[in-house]
mmCIF file of all heavy atoms, coordinates in Angstrom:
data_MODEL
# 
_entry.id   MODEL 
# 
loop_
_atom_site.group_PDB 
_atom_site.id 
_atom_site.type_symbol 
_atom_site.label_atom_id 
_atom_site.label_alt_id 
_atom_site.label_comp_id 
_atom_site.label_asym_id 
_atom_site.label_entity_id 
_atom_site.label_seq_id 
_atom_site.pdbx_PDB_ins_code 
_atom_site.Cartn_x 
_atom_site.Cartn_y 
_atom_site.Cartn_z 
_atom_site.occupancy 
_atom_site.B_iso_or_equiv 
_atom_site.pdbx_formal_charge 
_atom_site.auth_seq_id 
_atom_site.auth_comp_id 
_atom_site.auth_asym_id 
_atom_site.auth_atom_id 
_atom_site.pdbx_PDB_model_num 
ATOM 1   N N   . PHE A 1 1  ? 0.812   -1.222 0.000   1.00 0.00 ? 1  PHE A N   1 
ATOM 2   C CA  . PHE A 1 1  ? 0.000   0.000  0.000   1.00 0.00 ? 1  PHE A CA  1 
ATOM 3   C C   . PHE A 1 1  ? 0.844   1.270  0.000   1.00 0.00 ? 1  PHE A C   1 
ATOM 4   O O   . PHE A 1 1  ? 0.633   2.147  -0.845  1.00 0.00 ? 1  PHE A O   1 
ATOM 5   C CB  . PHE A 1 1  ? -0.973  -0.009 1.190   1.00 0.00 ? 1  PHE A CB  1 
ATOM 6   C CG  . PHE A 1 1  ? -1.789  1.245  1.307   1.00 0.00 ? 1  PHE A CG  1 
ATOM 7   C CD1 . PHE A 1 1  ? -2.861  1.481  0.459   1.00 0.00 ? 1  PHE A CD1 1 
ATOM 8   C CD2 . PHE A 1 1  ? -1.493  2.196  2.272   1.00 0.00 ? 1  PHE A CD2 1 
ATOM 9   C CE1 . PHE A 1 1  ? -3.622  2.628  0.561   1.00 0.00 ? 1  PHE A CE1 1 
ATOM 10  C CE2 . PHE A 1 1  ? -2.243  3.352  2.388   1.00 0.00 ? 1  PHE A CE2 1 
ATOM 11  C CZ  . PHE A 1 1  ? -3.309  3.572  1.523   1.00 0.00 ? 1  PHE A CZ  1 
ATOM 12  N N   . PRO A 1 2  ? 1.817   1.428  0.897   1.00 0.00 ? 2  PRO A N   1 
ATOM 13  C CA  . PRO A 1 2  ? 2.635   2.658  0.849   1.00 0.00 ? 2  PRO A CA  1 
ATOM 14  C C   . PRO A 1 2  ? 3.421   2.787  -0.450  1.00 0.00 ? 2  PRO A C   1 
ATOM 15  O O   . PRO A 1 2  ? 3.684   3.901  -0.916  1.00 0.00 ? 2  PRO A O   1 
ATOM 16  C CB  . PRO A 1 2  ? 3.573   2.500  2.056   1.00 0.00 ? 2  PRO A CB  1 
ATOM 17  C CG  . PRO A 1 2  ? 2.922   1.501  2.941   1.00 0.00 ? 2  PRO A CG  1 
ATOM 18  C CD  . PRO A 1 2  ? 2.196   0.565  2.025   1.00 0.00 ? 2  PRO A CD  1 
ATOM 19  N N   . THR A 1 3  ? 3.795   1.655  -1.033  1.00 0.00 ? 3  THR A N   1 
ATOM 20  C CA  . THR A 1 3  ? 4.594   1.671  -2.252  1.00 0.00 ? 3  THR A CA  1 
ATOM 21  C C   . THR A 1 3  ? 3.782   2.099  -3.465  1.00 0.00 ? 3  THR A C   1 
ATOM 22  O O   . THR A 1 3  ? 4.253   2.867  -4.313  1.00 0.00 ? 3  THR A O   1 
ATOM 23  C CB  . THR A 1 3  ? 5.195   0.272  -2.513  1.00 0.00 ? 3  THR A CB  1 
ATOM 24  O OG1 . THR A 1 3  ? 5.982   -0.111 -1.384  1.00 0.00 ? 3  THR A OG1 1 
ATOM 25  C CG2 . THR A 1 3  ? 6.066   0.282  -3.761  1.00 0.00 ? 3  THR A CG2 1 
ATOM 26  N N   . PHE A 1 4  ? 2.550   1.618  -3.548  1.00 0.00 ? 4  PHE A N   1 
ATOM 27  C CA  . PHE A 1 4  ? 1.774   1.782  -4.770  1.00 0.00 ? 4  PHE A CA  1 
ATOM 28  C C   . PHE A 1 4  ? 0.597   2.759  -4.670  1.00 0.00 ? 4  PHE A C   1 
ATOM 29  O O   . PHE A 1 4  ? -0.048  3.033  -5.681  1.00 0.00 ? 4  PHE A O   1 
ATOM 30  C CB  . PHE A 1 4  ? 1.243   0.419  -5.232  1.00 0.00 ? 4  PHE A CB  1 
ATOM 31  C CG  . PHE A 1 4  ? 2.309   -0.512 -5.700  1.00 0.00 ? 4  PHE A CG  1 
ATOM 32  C CD1 . PHE A 1 4  ? 2.702   -1.586 -4.909  1.00 0.00 ? 4  PHE A CD1 1 
ATOM 33  C CD2 . PHE A 1 4  ? 2.950   -0.324 -6.919  1.00 0.00 ? 4  PHE A CD2 1 
ATOM 34  C CE1 . PHE A 1 4  ? 3.708   -2.452 -5.330  1.00 0.00 ? 4  PHE A CE1 1 
ATOM 35  C CE2 . PHE A 1 4  ? 3.948   -1.181 -7.350  1.00 0.00 ? 4  PHE A CE2 1 
ATOM 36  C CZ  . PHE A 1 4  ? 4.321   -2.249 -6.557  1.00 0.00 ? 4  PHE A CZ  1 
ATOM 37  N N   . LYS A 1 5  ? 0.313   3.297  -3.472  1.00 0.00 ? 5  LYS A N   1 
ATOM 38  C CA  . LYS A 1 5  ? -0.891  4.125  -3.344  1.00 0.00 ? 5  LYS A CA  1 
ATOM 39  C C   . LYS A 1 5  ? -0.846  5.370  -4.226  1.00 0.00 ? 5  LYS A C   1 
ATOM 40  O O   . LYS A 1 5  ? -1.854  5.750  -4.835  1.00 0.00 ? 5  LYS A O   1 
ATOM 41  C CB  . LYS A 1 5  ? -1.153  4.517  -1.885  1.00 0.00 ? 5  LYS A CB  1 
ATOM 42  C CG  . LYS A 1 5  ? -0.131  5.469  -1.275  1.00 0.00 ? 5  LYS A CG  1 
ATOM 43  C CD  . LYS A 1 5  ? -0.534  5.856  0.151   1.00 0.00 ? 5  LYS A CD  1 
ATOM 44  C CE  . LYS A 1 5  ? 0.466   6.835  0.750   1.00 0.00 ? 5  LYS A CE  1 
ATOM 45  N NZ  . LYS A 1 5  ? 0.080   7.235  2.130   1.00 0.00 ? 5  LYS A NZ  1 
ATOM 46  N N   . LYS A 1 6  ? 0.308   6.028  -4.325  1.00 0.00 ? 6  LYS A N   1 
ATOM 47  C CA  . LYS A 1 6  ? 0.416   7.240  -5.152  1.00 0.00 ? 6  LYS A CA  1 
ATOM 48  C C   . LYS A 1 6  ? 0.280   6.896  -6.633  1.00 0.00 ? 6  LYS A C   1 
ATOM 49  O O   . LYS A 1 6  ? -0.414  7.593  -7.383  1.00 0.00 ? 6  LYS A O   1 
ATOM 50  C CB  . LYS A 1 6  ? 1.752   7.933  -4.886  1.00 0.00 ? 6  LYS A CB  1 
ATOM 51  C CG  . LYS A 1 6  ? 1.997   9.194  -5.719  1.00 0.00 ? 6  LYS A CG  1 
ATOM 52  C CD  . LYS A 1 6  ? 0.991   10.295 -5.393  1.00 0.00 ? 6  LYS A CD  1 
ATOM 53  C CE  . LYS A 1 6  ? 1.408   11.650 -5.948  1.00 0.00 ? 6  LYS A CE  1 
ATOM 54  N NZ  . LYS A 1 6  ? 1.554   11.658 -7.415  1.00 0.00 ? 6  LYS A NZ  1 
ATOM 55  N N   . ILE A 1 7  ? 0.933   5.817  -7.047  1.00 0.00 ? 7  ILE A N   1 
ATOM 56  C CA  . ILE A 1 7  ? 0.832   5.388  -8.445  1.00 0.00 ? 7  ILE A CA  1 
ATOM 57  C C   . ILE A 1 7  ? -0.608  5.064  -8.790  1.00 0.00 ? 7  ILE A C   1 
ATOM 58  O O   . ILE A 1 7  ? -1.139  5.485  -9.822  1.00 0.00 ? 7  ILE A O   1 
ATOM 59  C CB  . ILE A 1 7  ? 1.738   4.167  -8.685  1.00 0.00 ? 7  ILE A CB  1 
ATOM 60  C CG1 . ILE A 1 7  ? 3.204   4.534  -8.448  1.00 0.00 ? 7  ILE A CG1 1 
ATOM 61  C CG2 . ILE A 1 7  ? 1.536   3.614  -10.100 1.00 0.00 ? 7  ILE A CG2 1 
ATOM 62  C CD1 . ILE A 1 7  ? 4.138   3.340  -8.414  1.00 0.00 ? 7  ILE A CD1 1 
ATOM 63  N N   . ALA A 1 8  ? -1.264  4.293  -7.913  1.00 0.00 ? 8  ALA A N   1 
ATOM 64  C CA  . ALA A 1 8  ? -2.651  3.911  -8.150  1.00 0.00 ? 8  ALA A CA  1 
ATOM 65  C C   . ALA A 1 8  ? -3.566  5.129  -8.165  1.00 0.00 ? 8  ALA A C   1 
ATOM 66  O O   . ALA A 1 8  ? -4.464  5.245  -9.007  1.00 0.00 ? 8  ALA A O   1 
ATOM 67  C CB  . ALA A 1 8  ? -3.110  2.909  -7.090  1.00 0.00 ? 8  ALA A CB  1 
ATOM 68  N N   . ALA A 1 9  ? -3.353  6.056  -7.230  1.00 0.00 ? 9  ALA A N   1 
ATOM 69  C CA  . ALA A 1 9  ? -4.188  7.255  -7.160  1.00 0.00 ? 9  ALA A CA  1 
ATOM 70  C C   . ALA A 1 9  ? -4.032  8.106  -8.412  1.00 0.00 ? 9  ALA A C   1 
ATOM 71  O O   . ALA A 1 9  ? -5.009  8.683  -8.915  1.00 0.00 ? 9  ALA A O   1 
ATOM 72  C CB  . ALA A 1 9  ? -3.838  8.068  -5.919  1.00 0.00 ? 9  ALA A CB  1 
ATOM 73  N N   . ASP A 1 10 ? -2.822  8.189  -8.938  1.00 0.00 ? 10 ASP A N   1 
ATOM 74  C CA  . ASP A 1 10 ? -2.594  8.969  -10.160 1.00 0.00 ? 10 ASP A CA  1 
ATOM 75  C C   . ASP A 1 10 ? -3.372  8.379  -11.340 1.00 0.00 ? 10 ASP A C   1 
ATOM 76  O O   . ASP A 1 10 ? -3.873  9.122  -12.198 1.00 0.00 ? 10 ASP A O   1 
ATOM 77  C CB  . ASP A 1 10 ? -1.100  9.002  -10.491 1.00 0.00 ? 10 ASP A CB  1 
ATOM 78  C CG  . ASP A 1 10 ? -0.306  9.903  -9.556  1.00 0.00 ? 10 ASP A CG  1 
ATOM 79  O OD1 . ASP A 1 10 ? -0.932  10.694 -8.824  1.00 0.00 ? 10 ASP A OD1 1 
ATOM 80  O OD2 . ASP A 1 10 ? 0.931   9.800  -9.560  1.00 0.00 ? 10 ASP A OD2 1 
ATOM 81  N N   . ILE A 1 11 ? -3.481  7.070  -11.393 1.00 0.00 ? 11 ILE A N   1 
ATOM 82  C CA  . ILE A 1 11 ? -4.225  6.422  -12.474 1.00 0.00 ? 11 ILE A CA  1 
ATOM 83  C C   . ILE A 1 11 ? -5.709  6.784  -12.398 1.00 0.00 ? 11 ILE A C   1 
ATOM 84  O O   . ILE A 1 11 ? -6.323  7.167  -13.408 1.00 0.00 ? 11 ILE A O   1 
ATOM 85  C CB  . ILE A 1 11 ? -4.042  4.894  -12.423 1.00 0.00 ? 11 ILE A CB  1 
ATOM 86  C CG1 . ILE A 1 11 ? -2.588  4.521  -12.714 1.00 0.00 ? 11 ILE A CG1 1 
ATOM 87  C CG2 . ILE A 1 11 ? -4.976  4.197  -13.416 1.00 0.00 ? 11 ILE A CG2 1 
ATOM 88  C CD1 . ILE A 1 11 ? -2.262  3.059  -12.464 1.00 0.00 ? 11 ILE A CD1 1 
ATOM 89  N N   . SER A 1 12 ? -6.288  6.696  -11.208 1.00 0.00 ? 12 SER A N   1 
ATOM 90  C CA  . SER A 1 12 ? -7.717  7.010  -11.072 1.00 0.00 ? 12 SER A CA  1 
ATOM 91  C C   . SER A 1 12 ? -7.973  8.494  -11.323 1.00 0.00 ? 12 SER A C   1 
ATOM 92  O O   . SER A 1 12 ? -8.993  8.866  -11.914 1.00 0.00 ? 12 SER A O   1 
ATOM 93  C CB  . SER A 1 12 ? -8.233  6.596  -9.690  1.00 0.00 ? 12 SER A CB  1 
ATOM 94  O OG  . SER A 1 12 ? -7.526  7.236  -8.656  1.00 0.00 ? 12 SER A OG  1 
ATOM 95  N N   . THR A 1 13 ? -7.043  9.356  -10.916 1.00 0.00 ? 13 THR A N   1 
ATOM 96  C CA  . THR A 1 13 ? -7.185  10.792 -11.176 1.00 0.00 ? 13 THR A CA  1 
ATOM 97  C C   . THR A 1 13 ? -7.186  11.074 -12.674 1.00 0.00 ? 13 THR A C   1 
ATOM 98  O O   . THR A 1 13 ? -8.000  11.866 -13.171 1.00 0.00 ? 13 THR A O   1 
ATOM 99  C CB  . THR A 1 13 ? -6.039  11.577 -10.504 1.00 0.00 ? 13 THR A CB  1 
ATOM 100 O OG1 . THR A 1 13 ? -6.127  11.417 -9.091  1.00 0.00 ? 13 THR A OG1 1 
ATOM 101 C CG2 . THR A 1 13 ? -6.120  13.059 -10.845 1.00 0.00 ? 13 THR A CG2 1 
ATOM 102 N N   . ALA A 1 14 ? -6.286  10.423 -13.405 1.00 0.00 ? 14 ALA A N   1 
ATOM 103 C CA  . ALA A 1 14 ? -6.219  10.618 -14.859 1.00 0.00 ? 14 ALA A CA  1 
ATOM 104 C C   . ALA A 1 14 ? -7.518  10.201 -15.530 1.00 0.00 ? 14 ALA A C   1 
ATOM 105 O O   . ALA A 1 14 ? -7.986  10.862 -16.472 1.00 0.00 ? 14 ALA A O   1 
ATOM 106 C CB  . ALA A 1 14 ? -5.047  9.826  -15.423 1.00 0.00 ? 14 ALA A CB  1 
ATOM 107 N N   . ILE A 1 15 ? -8.124  9.139  -15.040 1.00 0.00 ? 15 ILE A N   1 
ATOM 108 C CA  . ILE A 1 15 ? -9.396  8.674  -15.611 1.00 0.00 ? 15 ILE A CA  1 
ATOM 109 C C   . ILE A 1 15 ? -10.493 9.706  -15.361 1.00 0.00 ? 15 ILE A C   1 
ATOM 110 O O   . ILE A 1 15 ? -11.290 10.018 -16.256 1.00 0.00 ? 15 ILE A O   1 
ATOM 111 C CB  . ILE A 1 15 ? -9.777  7.307  -15.025 1.00 0.00 ? 15 ILE A CB  1 
ATOM 112 C CG1 . ILE A 1 15 ? -8.794  6.238  -15.509 1.00 0.00 ? 15 ILE A CG1 1 
ATOM 113 C CG2 . ILE A 1 15 ? -11.213 6.921  -15.423 1.00 0.00 ? 15 ILE A CG2 1 
ATOM 114 C CD1 . ILE A 1 15 ? -8.909  4.923  -14.779 1.00 0.00 ? 15 ILE A CD1 1 
ATOM 115 N N   . ILE A 1 16 ? -10.542 10.259 -14.162 1.00 0.00 ? 16 ILE A N   1 
ATOM 116 C CA  . ILE A 1 16 ? -11.553 11.268 -13.846 1.00 0.00 ? 16 ILE A CA  1 
ATOM 117 C C   . ILE A 1 16 ? -11.391 12.495 -14.739 1.00 0.00 ? 16 ILE A C   1 
ATOM 118 O O   . ILE A 1 16 ? -12.365 13.035 -15.267 1.00 0.00 ? 16 ILE A O   1 
ATOM 119 C CB  . ILE A 1 16 ? -11.480 11.671 -12.359 1.00 0.00 ? 16 ILE A CB  1 
ATOM 120 C CG1 . ILE A 1 16 ? -11.871 10.495 -11.464 1.00 0.00 ? 16 ILE A CG1 1 
ATOM 121 C CG2 . ILE A 1 16 ? -12.385 12.878 -12.080 1.00 0.00 ? 16 ILE A CG2 1 
ATOM 122 C CD1 . ILE A 1 16 ? -13.300 10.014 -11.646 1.00 0.00 ? 16 ILE A CD1 1 
ATOM 123 N N   . LEU A 1 17 ? -10.157 12.930 -14.940 1.00 0.00 ? 17 LEU A N   1 
ATOM 124 C CA  . LEU A 1 17 ? -9.923  14.094 -15.789 1.00 0.00 ? 17 LEU A CA  1 
ATOM 125 C C   . LEU A 1 17 ? -10.348 13.834 -17.230 1.00 0.00 ? 17 LEU A C   1 
ATOM 126 O O   . LEU A 1 17 ? -10.951 14.702 -17.881 1.00 0.00 ? 17 LEU A O   1 
ATOM 127 C CB  . LEU A 1 17 ? -8.450  14.492 -15.728 1.00 0.00 ? 17 LEU A CB  1 
ATOM 128 C CG  . LEU A 1 17 ? -7.980  15.099 -14.399 1.00 0.00 ? 17 LEU A CG  1 
ATOM 129 C CD1 . LEU A 1 17 ? -6.470  15.239 -14.381 1.00 0.00 ? 17 LEU A CD1 1 
ATOM 130 C CD2 . LEU A 1 17 ? -8.653  16.454 -14.159 1.00 0.00 ? 17 LEU A CD2 1 
ATOM 131 N N   . GLU A 1 18 ? -10.089 12.630 -17.725 1.00 0.00 ? 18 GLU A N   1 
ATOM 132 C CA  . GLU A 1 18 ? -10.513 12.286 -19.079 1.00 0.00 ? 18 GLU A CA  1 
ATOM 133 C C   . GLU A 1 18 ? -12.028 12.188 -19.173 1.00 0.00 ? 18 GLU A C   1 
ATOM 134 O O   . GLU A 1 18 ? -12.635 12.599 -20.169 1.00 0.00 ? 18 GLU A O   1 
ATOM 135 C CB  . GLU A 1 18 ? -9.867  10.970 -19.519 1.00 0.00 ? 18 GLU A CB  1 
ATOM 136 C CG  . GLU A 1 18 ? -8.406  11.089 -19.878 1.00 0.00 ? 18 GLU A CG  1 
ATOM 137 C CD  . GLU A 1 18 ? -8.166  12.081 -21.009 1.00 0.00 ? 18 GLU A CD  1 
ATOM 138 O OE1 . GLU A 1 18 ? -8.897  12.023 -22.019 1.00 0.00 ? 18 GLU A OE1 1 
ATOM 139 O OE2 . GLU A 1 18 ? -7.256  12.916 -20.871 1.00 0.00 ? 18 GLU A OE2 1 
ATOM 140 N N   . TYR A 1 19 ? -12.636 11.643 -18.123 1.00 0.00 ? 19 TYR A N   1 
ATOM 141 C CA  . TYR A 1 19 ? -14.101 11.565 -18.091 1.00 0.00 ? 19 TYR A CA  1 
ATOM 142 C C   . TYR A 1 19 ? -14.711 12.964 -18.159 1.00 0.00 ? 19 TYR A C   1 
ATOM 143 O O   . TYR A 1 19 ? -15.664 13.208 -18.907 1.00 0.00 ? 19 TYR A O   1 
ATOM 144 C CB  . TYR A 1 19 ? -14.570 10.851 -16.817 1.00 0.00 ? 19 TYR A CB  1 
ATOM 145 C CG  . TYR A 1 19 ? -16.038 11.040 -16.531 1.00 0.00 ? 19 TYR A CG  1 
ATOM 146 C CD1 . TYR A 1 19 ? -17.006 10.343 -17.241 1.00 0.00 ? 19 TYR A CD1 1 
ATOM 147 C CD2 . TYR A 1 19 ? -16.456 11.960 -15.569 1.00 0.00 ? 19 TYR A CD2 1 
ATOM 148 C CE1 . TYR A 1 19 ? -18.358 10.539 -17.001 1.00 0.00 ? 19 TYR A CE1 1 
ATOM 149 C CE2 . TYR A 1 19 ? -17.800 12.163 -15.314 1.00 0.00 ? 19 TYR A CE2 1 
ATOM 150 C CZ  . TYR A 1 19 ? -18.739 11.456 -16.035 1.00 0.00 ? 19 TYR A CZ  1 
ATOM 151 O OH  . TYR A 1 19 ? -20.084 11.668 -15.792 1.00 0.00 ? 19 TYR A OH  1 
ATOM 152 N N   . ILE A 1 20 ? -14.167 13.881 -17.390 1.00 0.00 ? 20 ILE A N   1 
ATOM 153 C CA  . ILE A 1 20 ? -14.694 15.244 -17.374 1.00 0.00 ? 20 ILE A CA  1 
ATOM 154 C C   . ILE A 1 20 ? -14.538 15.898 -18.741 1.00 0.00 ? 20 ILE A C   1 
ATOM 155 O O   . ILE A 1 20 ? -15.448 16.595 -19.211 1.00 0.00 ? 20 ILE A O   1 
ATOM 156 C CB  . ILE A 1 20 ? -14.007 16.068 -16.261 1.00 0.00 ? 20 ILE A CB  1 
ATOM 157 C CG1 . ILE A 1 20 ? -14.493 15.578 -14.889 1.00 0.00 ? 20 ILE A CG1 1 
ATOM 158 C CG2 . ILE A 1 20 ? -14.299 17.563 -16.425 1.00 0.00 ? 20 ILE A CG2 1 
ATOM 159 C CD1 . ILE A 1 20 ? -13.773 16.193 -13.718 1.00 0.00 ? 20 ILE A CD1 1 
ATOM 160 N N   . LYS A 1 21 ? -13.412 15.672 -19.392 1.00 0.00 ? 21 LYS A N   1 
ATOM 161 C CA  . LYS A 1 21 ? -13.229 16.218 -20.747 1.00 0.00 ? 21 LYS A CA  1 
ATOM 162 C C   . LYS A 1 21 ? -14.317 15.727 -21.688 1.00 0.00 ? 21 LYS A C   1 
ATOM 163 O O   . LYS A 1 21 ? -14.878 16.486 -22.483 1.00 0.00 ? 21 LYS A O   1 
ATOM 164 C CB  . LYS A 1 21 ? -11.861 15.821 -21.295 1.00 0.00 ? 21 LYS A CB  1 
ATOM 165 C CG  . LYS A 1 21 ? -10.698 16.569 -20.715 1.00 0.00 ? 21 LYS A CG  1 
ATOM 166 C CD  . LYS A 1 21 ? -9.393  16.095 -21.363 1.00 0.00 ? 21 LYS A CD  1 
ATOM 167 C CE  . LYS A 1 21 ? -8.180  16.756 -20.724 1.00 0.00 ? 21 LYS A CE  1 
ATOM 168 N NZ  . LYS A 1 21 ? -6.913  16.258 -21.320 1.00 0.00 ? 21 LYS A NZ  1 
ATOM 169 N N   . SER A 1 22 ? -14.627 14.442 -21.600 1.00 0.00 ? 22 SER A N   1 
ATOM 170 C CA  . SER A 1 22 ? -15.623 13.863 -22.507 1.00 0.00 ? 22 SER A CA  1 
ATOM 171 C C   . SER A 1 22 ? -17.031 14.294 -22.165 1.00 0.00 ? 22 SER A C   1 
ATOM 172 O O   . SER A 1 22 ? -17.930 14.255 -23.011 1.00 0.00 ? 22 SER A O   1 
ATOM 173 C CB  . SER A 1 22 ? -15.527 12.337 -22.475 1.00 0.00 ? 22 SER A CB  1 
ATOM 174 O OG  . SER A 1 22 ? -15.963 11.828 -21.225 1.00 0.00 ? 22 SER A OG  1 
ATOM 175 N N   . GLU A 1 23 ? -17.245 14.702 -20.922 1.00 0.00 ? 23 GLU A N   1 
ATOM 176 C CA  . GLU A 1 23 ? -18.588 15.045 -20.478 1.00 0.00 ? 23 GLU A CA  1 
ATOM 177 C C   . GLU A 1 23 ? -18.845 16.543 -20.382 1.00 0.00 ? 23 GLU A C   1 
ATOM 178 O O   . GLU A 1 23 ? -19.932 16.948 -19.973 1.00 0.00 ? 23 GLU A O   1 
ATOM 179 C CB  . GLU A 1 23 ? -18.838 14.433 -19.088 1.00 0.00 ? 23 GLU A CB  1 
ATOM 180 C CG  . GLU A 1 23 ? -19.003 12.932 -19.111 1.00 0.00 ? 23 GLU A CG  1 
ATOM 181 C CD  . GLU A 1 23 ? -20.271 12.509 -19.811 1.00 0.00 ? 23 GLU A CD  1 
ATOM 182 O OE1 . GLU A 1 23 ? -21.362 12.796 -19.295 1.00 0.00 ? 23 GLU A OE1 1 
ATOM 183 O OE2 . GLU A 1 23 ? -20.169 11.914 -20.894 1.00 0.00 ? 23 GLU A OE2 1 
ATOM 184 N N   . GLN A 1 24 ? -17.884 17.375 -20.761 1.00 0.00 ? 24 GLN A N   1 
ATOM 185 C CA  . GLN A 1 24 ? -18.013 18.804 -20.462 1.00 0.00 ? 24 GLN A CA  1 
ATOM 186 C C   . GLN A 1 24 ? -19.257 19.430 -21.064 1.00 0.00 ? 24 GLN A C   1 
ATOM 187 O O   . GLN A 1 24 ? -19.806 20.379 -20.508 1.00 0.00 ? 24 GLN A O   1 
ATOM 188 C CB  . GLN A 1 24 ? -16.763 19.560 -20.902 1.00 0.00 ? 24 GLN A CB  1 
ATOM 189 C CG  . GLN A 1 24 ? -16.415 19.463 -22.369 1.00 0.00 ? 24 GLN A CG  1 
ATOM 190 C CD  . GLN A 1 24 ? -15.101 20.161 -22.664 1.00 0.00 ? 24 GLN A CD  1 
ATOM 191 O OE1 . GLN A 1 24 ? -14.943 21.346 -22.375 1.00 0.00 ? 24 GLN A OE1 1 
ATOM 192 N NE2 . GLN A 1 24 ? -14.151 19.445 -23.201 1.00 0.00 ? 24 GLN A NE2 1 
ATOM 193 N N   . ASN A 1 25 ? -19.738 18.903 -22.138 1.00 0.00 ? 25 ASN A N   1 
ATOM 194 C CA  . ASN A 1 25 ? -20.953 19.473 -22.743 1.00 0.00 ? 25 ASN A CA  1 
ATOM 195 C C   . ASN A 1 25 ? -22.240 18.933 -22.115 1.00 0.00 ? 25 ASN A C   1 
ATOM 196 O O   . ASN A 1 25 ? -23.338 19.372 -22.467 1.00 0.00 ? 25 ASN A O   1 
ATOM 197 C CB  . ASN A 1 25 ? -20.969 19.181 -24.243 1.00 0.00 ? 25 ASN A CB  1 
ATOM 198 C CG  . ASN A 1 25 ? -19.866 19.913 -24.969 1.00 0.00 ? 25 ASN A CG  1 
ATOM 199 O OD1 . ASN A 1 25 ? -19.499 21.019 -24.593 1.00 0.00 ? 25 ASN A OD1 1 
ATOM 200 N ND2 . ASN A 1 25 ? -19.324 19.301 -26.024 1.00 0.00 ? 25 ASN A ND2 1 
ATOM 201 N N   . GLN A 1 26 ? -22.086 17.965 -21.199 1.00 0.00 ? 26 GLN A N   1 
ATOM 202 C CA  . GLN A 1 26 ? -23.268 17.368 -20.571 1.00 0.00 ? 26 GLN A CA  1 
ATOM 203 C C   . GLN A 1 26 ? -23.676 18.098 -19.286 1.00 0.00 ? 26 GLN A C   1 
ATOM 204 O O   . GLN A 1 26 ? -24.769 17.883 -18.777 1.00 0.00 ? 26 GLN A O   1 
ATOM 205 C CB  . GLN A 1 26 ? -22.995 15.904 -20.249 1.00 0.00 ? 26 GLN A CB  1 
ATOM 206 C CG  . GLN A 1 26 ? -22.628 15.065 -21.444 1.00 0.00 ? 26 GLN A CG  1 
ATOM 207 C CD  . GLN A 1 26 ? -23.734 15.013 -22.470 1.00 0.00 ? 26 GLN A CD  1 
ATOM 208 O OE1 . GLN A 1 26 ? -24.905 14.859 -22.121 1.00 0.00 ? 26 GLN A OE1 1 
ATOM 209 N NE2 . GLN A 1 26 ? -23.369 15.147 -23.722 1.00 0.00 ? 26 GLN A NE2 1 
ATOM 210 N N   . PHE A 1 27 ? -22.789 18.914 -18.770 1.00 0.00 ? 27 PHE A N   1 
ATOM 211 C CA  . PHE A 1 27 ? -23.073 19.614 -17.518 1.00 0.00 ? 27 PHE A CA  1 
ATOM 212 C C   . PHE A 1 27 ? -23.390 21.087 -17.801 1.00 0.00 ? 27 PHE A C   1 
ATOM 213 O O   . PHE A 1 27 ? -22.894 21.675 -18.747 1.00 0.00 ? 27 PHE A O   1 
ATOM 214 C CB  . PHE A 1 27 ? -21.876 19.525 -16.565 1.00 0.00 ? 27 PHE A CB  1 
ATOM 215 C CG  . PHE A 1 27 ? -21.611 18.120 -16.109 1.00 0.00 ? 27 PHE A CG  1 
ATOM 216 C CD1 . PHE A 1 27 ? -20.677 17.329 -16.762 1.00 0.00 ? 27 PHE A CD1 1 
ATOM 217 C CD2 . PHE A 1 27 ? -22.294 17.584 -15.034 1.00 0.00 ? 27 PHE A CD2 1 
ATOM 218 C CE1 . PHE A 1 27 ? -20.431 16.036 -16.347 1.00 0.00 ? 27 PHE A CE1 1 
ATOM 219 C CE2 . PHE A 1 27 ? -22.051 16.311 -14.610 1.00 0.00 ? 27 PHE A CE2 1 
ATOM 220 C CZ  . PHE A 1 27 ? -21.127 15.522 -15.261 1.00 0.00 ? 27 PHE A CZ  1 
ATOM 221 N N   . ALA A 1 28 ? -24.200 21.661 -16.959 1.00 0.00 ? 28 ALA A N   1 
ATOM 222 C CA  . ALA A 1 28 ? -24.513 23.084 -17.099 1.00 0.00 ? 28 ALA A CA  1 
ATOM 223 C C   . ALA A 1 28 ? -23.265 23.911 -16.824 1.00 0.00 ? 28 ALA A C   1 
ATOM 224 O O   . ALA A 1 28 ? -22.548 23.679 -15.842 1.00 0.00 ? 28 ALA A O   1 
ATOM 225 C CB  . ALA A 1 28 ? -25.609 23.470 -16.111 1.00 0.00 ? 28 ALA A CB  1 
# 
């Protein structure tokens, strides 16, 4: 967990940012 938590968190963050890019026209 201490070894991989930052790496894993960066992956999920990148996915969220890409999701937001794809959805930007769906939100007010």
